[in-house]
PDB file of N, CA and C in Angstrom:
ATOM      1  N   MET A   1       5.352  -0.542  20.424  1.00  0.00           N
ATOM      2  CA  MET A   1       4.493  -0.139  19.752  1.00  0.00           C
ATOM      3  C   MET A   1       3.511   0.781  20.551  1.00  0.00           C
ATOM      4  N   ASN A   2       3.453   2.252  19.876  1.00  0.00           N
ATOM      5  CA  ASN A   2       2.541   3.016  20.517  1.00  0.00           C
ATOM      6  C   ASN A   2       1.157   3.386  20.251  1.00  0.00           C
ATOM      7  N   CYS A   3       0.065   2.136  19.631  1.00  0.00           N
ATOM      8  CA  CYS A   3      -0.760   2.790  18.748  1.00  0.00           C
ATOM      9  C   CYS A   3      -2.421   2.718  19.061  1.00  0.00           C
ATOM     10  N   GLN A   4      -3.547   3.160  18.743  1.00  0.00           N
ATOM     11  CA  GLN A   4      -4.420   3.130  19.365  1.00  0.00           C
ATOM     12  C   GLN A   4      -5.155   1.714  19.311  1.00  0.00           C
ATOM     13  N   LYS A   5      -4.436   1.078  18.054  1.00  0.00           N
ATOM     14  CA  LYS A   5      -5.089  -0.466  18.345  1.00  0.00           C
ATOM     15  C   LYS A   5      -3.701  -1.290  18.344  1.00  0.00           C
ATOM     16  N   SER A   6      -4.209  -2.286  18.376  1.00  0.00           N
ATOM     17  CA  SER A   6      -2.985  -3.354  18.453  1.00  0.00           C
ATOM     18  C   SER A   6      -2.631  -4.050  17.751  1.00  0.00           C
ATOM     19  N   GLN A   7      -1.869  -4.922  17.279  1.00  0.00           N
ATOM     20  CA  GLN A   7      -1.759  -5.369  15.915  1.00  0.00           C
ATOM     21  C   GLN A   7      -1.905  -6.797  16.449  1.00  0.00           C
ATOM     22  N   THR A   8      -1.616  -7.167  17.968  1.00  0.00           N
ATOM     23  CA  THR A   8      -1.985  -8.140  18.545  1.00  0.00           C
ATOM     24  C   THR A   8      -3.225  -8.636  18.547  1.00  0.00           C
ATOM     25  N   GLU A   9      -4.105  -8.079  18.216  1.00  0.00           N
ATOM     26  CA  GLU A   9      -5.417  -8.066  18.239  1.00  0.00           C
ATOM     27  C   GLU A   9      -6.015  -8.920  16.944  1.00  0.00           C
ATOM     28  N   HIS A  10      -4.867  -9.246  15.668  1.00  0.00           N
ATOM     29  CA  HIS A  10      -4.817 -10.065  14.699  1.00  0.00           C
ATOM     30  C   HIS A  10      -4.013 -11.282  15.149  1.00  0.00           C
ATOM     31  N   LYS A  11      -4.392 -12.335  14.241  1.00  0.00           N
ATOM     32  CA  LYS A  11      -3.532 -13.717  14.230  1.00  0.00           C
ATOM     33  C   LYS A  11      -2.551 -13.229  12.887  1.00  0.00           C
ATOM     34  N   PHE A  12      -1.479 -13.560  12.724  1.00  0.00           N
ATOM     35  CA  PHE A  12      -0.690 -13.371  12.260  1.00  0.00           C
ATOM     36  C   PHE A  12       0.257 -14.503  11.844  1.00  0.00           C
ATOM     37  N   ASN A  13       0.425 -15.061  10.801  1.00  0.00           N
ATOM     38  CA  ASN A  13       1.103 -16.381  10.883  1.00  0.00           C
ATOM     39  C   ASN A  13       2.647 -16.315   9.947  1.00  0.00           C
ATOM     40  N   GLY A  14       3.681 -15.239  10.444  1.00  0.00           N
ATOM     41  CA  GLY A  14       4.606 -15.198   9.873  1.00  0.00           C
ATOM     42  C   GLY A  14       4.859 -13.611   9.402  1.00  0.00           C
ATOM     43  N   PRO A  15       5.558 -13.701   8.627  1.00  0.00           N
ATOM     44  CA  PRO A  15       6.158 -11.607   8.531  1.00  0.00           C
ATOM     45  C   PRO A  15       5.416 -11.071   7.828  1.00  0.00           C
ATOM     46  N   PRO A  16       5.334  -9.444   7.881  1.00  0.00           N
ATOM     47  CA  PRO A  16       4.071  -9.167   6.444  1.00  0.00           C
ATOM     48  C   PRO A  16       4.471  -9.255   5.685  1.00  0.00           C
ATOM     49  N   ALA A  17       3.767  -8.925   4.525  1.00  0.00           N
ATOM     50  CA  ALA A  17       4.165  -9.130   3.348  1.00  0.00           C
ATOM     51  C   ALA A  17       3.055  -8.112   2.288  1.00  0.00           C
ATOM     52  N   VAL A  18       3.035  -7.596   1.481  1.00  0.00           N
ATOM     53  CA  VAL A  18       2.462  -7.018   0.623  1.00  0.00           C
ATOM     54  C   VAL A  18       2.875  -7.480  -1.270  1.00  0.00           C
ATOM     55  N   THR A  19       1.605  -8.072  -1.694  1.00  0.00           N
ATOM     56  CA  THR A  19       1.668  -8.151  -3.184  1.00  0.00           C
ATOM     57  C   THR A  19       0.614  -6.986  -3.985  1.00  0.00           C
ATOM     58  N   ILE A  20       1.608  -6.959  -5.175  1.00  0.00           N
ATOM     59  CA  ILE A  20       1.145  -5.745  -5.960  1.00  0.00           C
ATOM     60  C   ILE A  20       0.678  -6.784  -6.911  1.00  0.00           C
ATOM     61  N   LEU A  21      -1.285  -6.429  -7.073  1.00  0.00           N
ATOM     62  CA  LEU A  21      -1.557  -7.405  -7.886  1.00  0.00           C
ATOM     63  C   LEU A  21      -1.672  -6.583  -9.167  1.00  0.00           C
ATOM     64  N   SER A  22      -1.962  -5.192  -9.753  1.00  0.00           N
ATOM     65  CA  SER A  22      -1.782  -4.421 -10.767  1.00  0.00           C
ATOM     66  C   SER A  22      -1.391  -2.987 -10.261  1.00  0.00           C
ATOM     67  N   PRO A  23      -0.291  -2.414 -11.149  1.00  0.00           N
ATOM     68  CA  PRO A  23       0.045  -3.208 -12.574  1.00  0.00           C
ATOM     69  C   PRO A  23       0.618  -4.304 -12.781  1.00  0.00           C
ATOM     70  N   ALA A  24       1.003  -4.741 -13.581  1.00  0.00           N
ATOM     71  CA  ALA A  24       1.355  -6.112 -13.681  1.00  0.00           C
ATOM     72  C   ALA A  24       3.186  -5.492 -13.631  1.00  0.00           C
ATOM     73  N   GLU A  25       3.956  -6.205 -13.661  1.00  0.00           N
ATOM     74  CA  GLU A  25       5.501  -6.159 -14.086  1.00  0.00           C
ATOM     75  C   GLU A  25       5.653  -5.641 -15.252  1.00  0.00           C
ATOM     76  N   GLY A  26       6.217  -4.966 -15.951  1.00  0.00           N
ATOM     77  CA  GLY A  26       6.478  -4.513 -17.353  1.00  0.00           C
ATOM     78  C   GLY A  26       5.146  -4.149 -18.192  1.00  0.00           C
ATOM     79  N   GLU A  27       4.291  -3.893 -17.429  1.00  0.00           N
ATOM     80  CA  GLU A  27       2.714  -3.346 -18.340  1.00  0.00           C
ATOM     81  C   GLU A  27       3.123  -1.860 -18.063  1.00  0.00           C
ATOM     82  N   VAL A  28       2.357  -1.759 -19.750  1.00  0.00           N
ATOM     83  CA  VAL A  28       2.647   0.053 -20.099  1.00  0.00           C
ATOM     84  C   VAL A  28       1.147   0.611 -19.811  1.00  0.00           C
ATOM     85  N   LEU A  29       1.365   1.726 -18.759  1.00  0.00           N
ATOM     86  CA  LEU A  29       0.513   2.216 -18.687  1.00  0.00           C
ATOM     87  C   LEU A  29      -0.094   3.479 -19.328  1.00  0.00           C
ATOM     88  N   SER A  30      -1.147   3.694 -20.126  1.00  0.00           N
ATOM     89  CA  SER A  30      -1.525   5.489 -20.543  1.00  0.00           C
ATOM     90  C   SER A  30      -2.358   6.040 -19.471  1.00  0.00           C
ATOM     91  N   GLY A  31      -2.020   7.219 -19.470  1.00  0.00           N
ATOM     92  CA  GLY A  31      -3.577   8.061 -19.077  1.00  0.00           C
ATOM     93  C   GLY A  31      -2.130   8.887 -17.726  1.00  0.00           C
ATOM     94  N   PRO A  32      -2.718   9.658 -17.156  1.00  0.00           N
ATOM     95  CA  PRO A  32      -1.793  10.802 -16.138  1.00  0.00           C
ATOM     96  C   PRO A  32      -2.006   9.919 -14.986  1.00  0.00           C
ATOM     97  N   ASP A  33      -3.151   9.123 -14.600  1.00  0.00           N
ATOM     98  CA  ASP A  33      -3.649   8.446 -13.712  1.00  0.00           C
ATOM     99  C   ASP A  33      -3.367   6.773 -13.467  1.00  0.00           C
ATOM    100  N   VAL A  34      -2.518   6.428 -12.007  1.00  0.00           N
ATOM    101  CA  VAL A  34      -1.981   5.066 -12.052  1.00  0.00           C
ATOM    102  C   VAL A  34      -2.680   4.492 -10.845  1.00  0.00           C
ATOM    103  N   THR A  35      -3.643   3.412 -10.375  1.00  0.00           N
ATOM    104  CA  THR A  35      -4.054   2.830  -9.818  1.00  0.00           C
ATOM    105  C   THR A  35      -3.643   1.657  -9.382  1.00  0.00           C
ATOM    106  N   VAL A  36      -2.946   0.922  -8.334  1.00  0.00           N
ATOM    107  CA  VAL A  36      -2.111   0.518  -8.001  1.00  0.00           C
ATOM    108  C   VAL A  36      -3.384  -0.320  -6.447  1.00  0.00           C
ATOM    109  N   LYS A  37      -3.363  -1.758  -7.152  1.00  0.00           N
ATOM    110  CA  LYS A  37      -3.935  -2.725  -6.575  1.00  0.00           C
ATOM    111  C   LYS A  37      -2.603  -3.729  -5.790  1.00  0.00           C
ATOM    112  N   PHE A  38      -3.041  -3.599  -4.528  1.00  0.00           N
ATOM    113  CA  PHE A  38      -1.990  -4.794  -3.814  1.00  0.00           C
ATOM    114  C   PHE A  38      -3.148  -5.706  -2.595  1.00  0.00           C
ATOM    115  N   LYS A  39      -2.061  -6.609  -2.155  1.00  0.00           N
ATOM    116  CA  LYS A  39      -2.416  -7.457  -0.810  1.00  0.00           C
ATOM    117  C   LYS A  39      -1.873  -7.724  -0.032  1.00  0.00           C
ATOM    118  N   LEU A  40      -2.024  -7.430   1.350  1.00  0.00           N
ATOM    119  CA  LEU A  40      -1.245  -7.630   2.606  1.00  0.00           C
ATOM    120  C   LEU A  40      -1.651  -8.939   3.022  1.00  0.00           C
ATOM    121  N   LYS A  41      -0.637  -9.347   3.665  1.00  0.00           N
ATOM    122  CA  LYS A  41      -0.124 -10.891   4.311  1.00  0.00           C
ATOM    123  C   LYS A  41      -0.038 -10.260   6.075  1.00  0.00           C
ATOM    124  N   ASN A  42      -0.512 -10.764   6.714  1.00  0.00           N
ATOM    125  CA  ASN A  42       0.446 -10.524   7.982  1.00  0.00           C
ATOM    126  C   ASN A  42       0.374  -9.067   8.785  1.00  0.00           C
ATOM    127  N   PHE A  43      -0.788  -8.074   8.144  1.00  0.00           N
ATOM    128  CA  PHE A  43      -0.758  -6.905   8.301  1.00  0.00           C
ATOM    129  C   PHE A  43      -1.732  -6.134   7.596  1.00  0.00           C
ATOM    130  N   VAL A  44      -1.966  -5.486   8.867  1.00  0.00           N
ATOM    131  CA  VAL A  44      -3.537  -4.350   9.160  1.00  0.00           C
ATOM    132  C   VAL A  44      -3.208  -3.184   9.192  1.00  0.00           C
ATOM    133  N   ALA A  45      -3.626  -2.141   7.616  1.00  0.00           N
ATOM    134  CA  ALA A  45      -2.833  -0.504   8.181  1.00  0.00           C
ATOM    135  C   ALA A  45      -4.079  -0.204   8.571  1.00  0.00           C
ATOM    136  N   TYR A  46      -4.123   1.047   9.485  1.00  0.00           N
ATOM    137  CA  TYR A  46      -5.001   1.839   9.923  1.00  0.00           C
ATOM    138  C   TYR A  46      -4.912   2.821   9.982  1.00  0.00           C
ATOM    139  N   GLU A  47      -5.660   3.896  10.261  1.00  0.00           N
ATOM    140  CA  GLU A  47      -5.463   5.475  10.519  1.00  0.00           C
ATOM    141  C   GLU A  47      -4.723   5.668  11.793  1.00  0.00           C
ATOM    142  N   GLY A  48      -4.006   6.390  11.671  1.00  0.00           N
ATOM    143  CA  GLY A  48      -3.095   6.402  13.439  1.00  0.00           C
ATOM    144  C   GLY A  48      -2.360   5.378  13.750  1.00  0.00           C
ATOM    145  N   GLY A  49      -2.439   4.333  13.379  1.00  0.00           N
ATOM    146  CA  GLY A  49      -1.220   3.145  13.554  1.00  0.00           C
ATOM    147  C   GLY A  49      -0.527   2.908  12.261  1.00  0.00           C
ATOM    148  N   PRO A  50      -0.561   1.247  12.296  1.00  0.00           N
ATOM    149  CA  PRO A  50       0.669   0.875  11.305  1.00  0.00           C
ATOM    150  C   PRO A  50       0.043   1.704  10.053  1.00  0.00           C
ATOM    151  N   HIS A  51       1.045   1.852   8.575  1.00  0.00           N
ATOM    152  CA  HIS A  51       0.527   2.385   7.415  1.00  0.00           C
ATOM    153  C   HIS A  51       1.948   1.968   6.350  1.00  0.00           C
ATOM    154  N   LEU A  52       1.638   1.924   5.054  1.00  0.00           N
ATOM    155  CA  LEU A  52       2.661   1.855   4.092  1.00  0.00           C
ATOM    156  C   LEU A  52       2.471   2.964   3.332  1.00  0.00           C
ATOM    157  N   HIS A  53       3.914   2.688   3.254  1.00  0.00           N
ATOM    158  CA  HIS A  53       4.670   3.882   2.814  1.00  0.00           C
ATOM    159  C   HIS A  53       4.452   3.630   0.839  1.00  0.00           C
ATOM    160  N   LEU A  54       3.826   4.336   0.243  1.00  0.00           N
ATOM    161  CA  LEU A  54       3.593   3.729  -1.384  1.00  0.00           C
ATOM    162  C   LEU A  54       5.206   5.105  -2.055  1.00  0.00           C
ATOM    163  N   ILE A  55       5.814   4.242  -2.982  1.00  0.00           N
ATOM    164  CA  ILE A  55       6.296   5.143  -3.505  1.00  0.00           C
ATOM    165  C   ILE A  55       6.726   5.053  -4.991  1.00  0.00           C
ATOM    166  N   LEU A  56       6.238   6.030  -5.921  1.00  0.00           N
ATOM    167  CA  LEU A  56       6.434   6.225  -7.447  1.00  0.00           C
ATOM    168  C   LEU A  56       7.852   6.873  -8.172  1.00  0.00           C
ATOM    169  N   ASP A  57       8.130   5.960  -8.738  1.00  0.00           N
ATOM    170  CA  ASP A  57       9.946   6.572  -9.136  1.00  0.00           C
ATOM    171  C   ASP A  57      10.380   7.116  -8.121  1.00  0.00           C
ATOM    172  N   ASP A  58      11.009   8.817  -8.353  1.00  0.00           N
ATOM    173  CA  ASP A  58      11.846   9.614  -7.318  1.00  0.00           C
ATOM    174  C   ASP A  58      10.384  10.271  -6.260  1.00  0.00           C
ATOM    175  N   ASN A  59       9.688   9.990  -6.634  1.00  0.00           N
ATOM    176  CA  ASN A  59       8.561  11.353  -5.366  1.00  0.00           C
ATOM    177  C   ASN A  59       8.733  10.922  -4.163  1.00  0.00           C
ATOM    178  N   PRO A  60       8.659  11.780  -3.033  1.00  0.00           N
ATOM    179  CA  PRO A  60       8.150  10.823  -1.824  1.00  0.00           C
ATOM    180  C   PRO A  60       7.248   9.920  -1.845  1.00  0.00           C
ATOM    181  N   TYR A  61       7.169   9.846  -0.976  1.00  0.00           N
ATOM    182  CA  TYR A  61       6.544   8.425  -0.258  1.00  0.00           C
ATOM    183  C   TYR A  61       5.072   9.203   0.148  1.00  0.00           C
ATOM    184  N   ILE A  62       4.215   8.174  -0.038  1.00  0.00           N
ATOM    185  CA  ILE A  62       2.727   9.121   0.344  1.00  0.00           C
ATOM    186  C   ILE A  62       2.340   7.910   1.455  1.00  0.00           C
ATOM    187  N   SER A  63       1.857   8.644   2.994  1.00  0.00           N
ATOM    188  CA  SER A  63       1.720   7.578   4.022  1.00  0.00           C
ATOM    189  C   SER A  63       0.210   7.439   3.749  1.00  0.00           C
ATOM    190  N   TYR A  64       0.158   5.454   3.677  1.00  0.00           N
ATOM    191  CA  TYR A  64      -1.026   4.752   3.330  1.00  0.00           C
ATOM    192  C   TYR A  64      -1.789   4.081   4.320  1.00  0.00           C
ATOM    193  N   GLU A  65      -2.819   4.854   4.839  1.00  0.00           N
ATOM    194  CA  GLU A  65      -3.609   3.879   6.175  1.00  0.00           C
ATOM    195  C   GLU A  65      -4.563   3.065   5.778  1.00  0.00           C
ATOM    196  N   LYS A  66      -4.749   2.594   4.711  1.00  0.00           N
ATOM    197  CA  LYS A  66      -5.707   1.802   4.037  1.00  0.00           C
ATOM    198  C   LYS A  66      -5.023   0.153   4.048  1.00  0.00           C
ATOM    199  N   SER A  67      -5.862  -0.999   4.355  1.00  0.00           N
ATOM    200  CA  SER A  67      -5.584  -1.993   3.866  1.00  0.00           C
ATOM    201  C   SER A  67      -5.791  -3.191   2.611  1.00  0.00           C
ATOM    202  N   VAL A  68      -7.100  -2.328   2.393  1.00  0.00           N
ATOM    203  CA  VAL A  68      -7.956  -3.055   1.078  1.00  0.00           C
ATOM    204  C   VAL A  68      -7.976  -2.140  -0.343  1.00  0.00           C
ATOM    205  N   GLU A  69      -8.048  -1.201  -0.291  1.00  0.00           N
ATOM    206  CA  GLU A  69      -8.436  -0.549  -0.910  1.00  0.00           C
ATOM    207  C   GLU A  69      -7.522  -0.232  -1.804  1.00  0.00           C
ATOM    208  N   PRO A  70      -7.692   0.177  -3.040  1.00  0.00           N
ATOM    209  CA  PRO A  70      -6.544   0.568  -4.045  1.00  0.00           C
ATOM    210  C   PRO A  70      -5.949   1.975  -4.021  1.00  0.00           C
ATOM    211  N   TYR A  71      -4.861   2.481  -4.516  1.00  0.00           N
ATOM    212  CA  TYR A  71      -4.565   3.562  -4.553  1.00  0.00           C
ATOM    213  C   TYR A  71      -4.262   4.146  -6.072  1.00  0.00           C
ATOM    214  N   SER A  72      -4.810   5.331  -6.167  1.00  0.00           N
ATOM    215  CA  SER A  72      -4.479   6.161  -7.330  1.00  0.00           C
ATOM    216  C   SER A  72      -3.494   7.265  -7.494  1.00  0.00           C
ATOM    217  N   PHE A  73      -2.149   6.564  -7.975  1.00  0.00           N
ATOM    218  CA  PHE A  73      -1.620   8.043  -7.934  1.00  0.00           C
ATOM    219  C   PHE A  73      -1.818   9.022  -9.084  1.00  0.00           C
ATOM    220  N   THR A  74      -2.184  10.382  -9.058  1.00  0.00           N
ATOM    221  CA  THR A  74      -2.398  11.123  -9.939  1.00  0.00           C
ATOM    222  C   THR A  74      -1.547  12.139 -10.683  1.00  0.00           C
ATOM    223  N   ASN A  75      -1.744  12.339 -11.977  1.00  0.00           N
ATOM    224  CA  ASN A  75      -0.949  13.343 -12.677  1.00  0.00           C
ATOM    225  C   ASN A  75       0.762  12.530 -12.820  1.00  0.00           C
ATOM    226  N   VAL A  76       0.303  11.751 -13.598  1.00  0.00           N
ATOM    227  CA  VAL A  76       1.664  10.217 -13.401  1.00  0.00           C
ATOM    228  C   VAL A  76       2.516  11.063 -14.466  1.00  0.00           C
ATOM    229  N   HIS A  77       3.633  11.158 -14.816  1.00  0.00           N
ATOM    230  CA  HIS A  77       4.299  11.888 -16.192  1.00  0.00           C
ATOM    231  C   HIS A  77       4.884  10.664 -16.746  1.00  0.00           C
ATOM    232  N   PRO A  78       4.803  10.665 -17.937  1.00  0.00           N
ATOM    233  CA  PRO A  78       5.557   9.429 -18.848  1.00  0.00           C
ATOM    234  C   PRO A  78       7.150   9.004 -18.558  1.00  0.00           C
TER     235      PRO A  78
END
């Protein structure tokens, strides 16, 4: 891995995992914006390094380089 920071700077116990905290599975959302809150385990995302690919429906993925902040999809069609 050729990154500015090293994942080895962090102590991990197991494979990386992501848990979606909200919205809940099956939750019906209103409004054009959808905020996704998540929790990472054994993984740290940062600018210029490891990151997440966020995908909503059939849209192209969004490269997300943060570990703890929620992400808001905007102008989501029903």
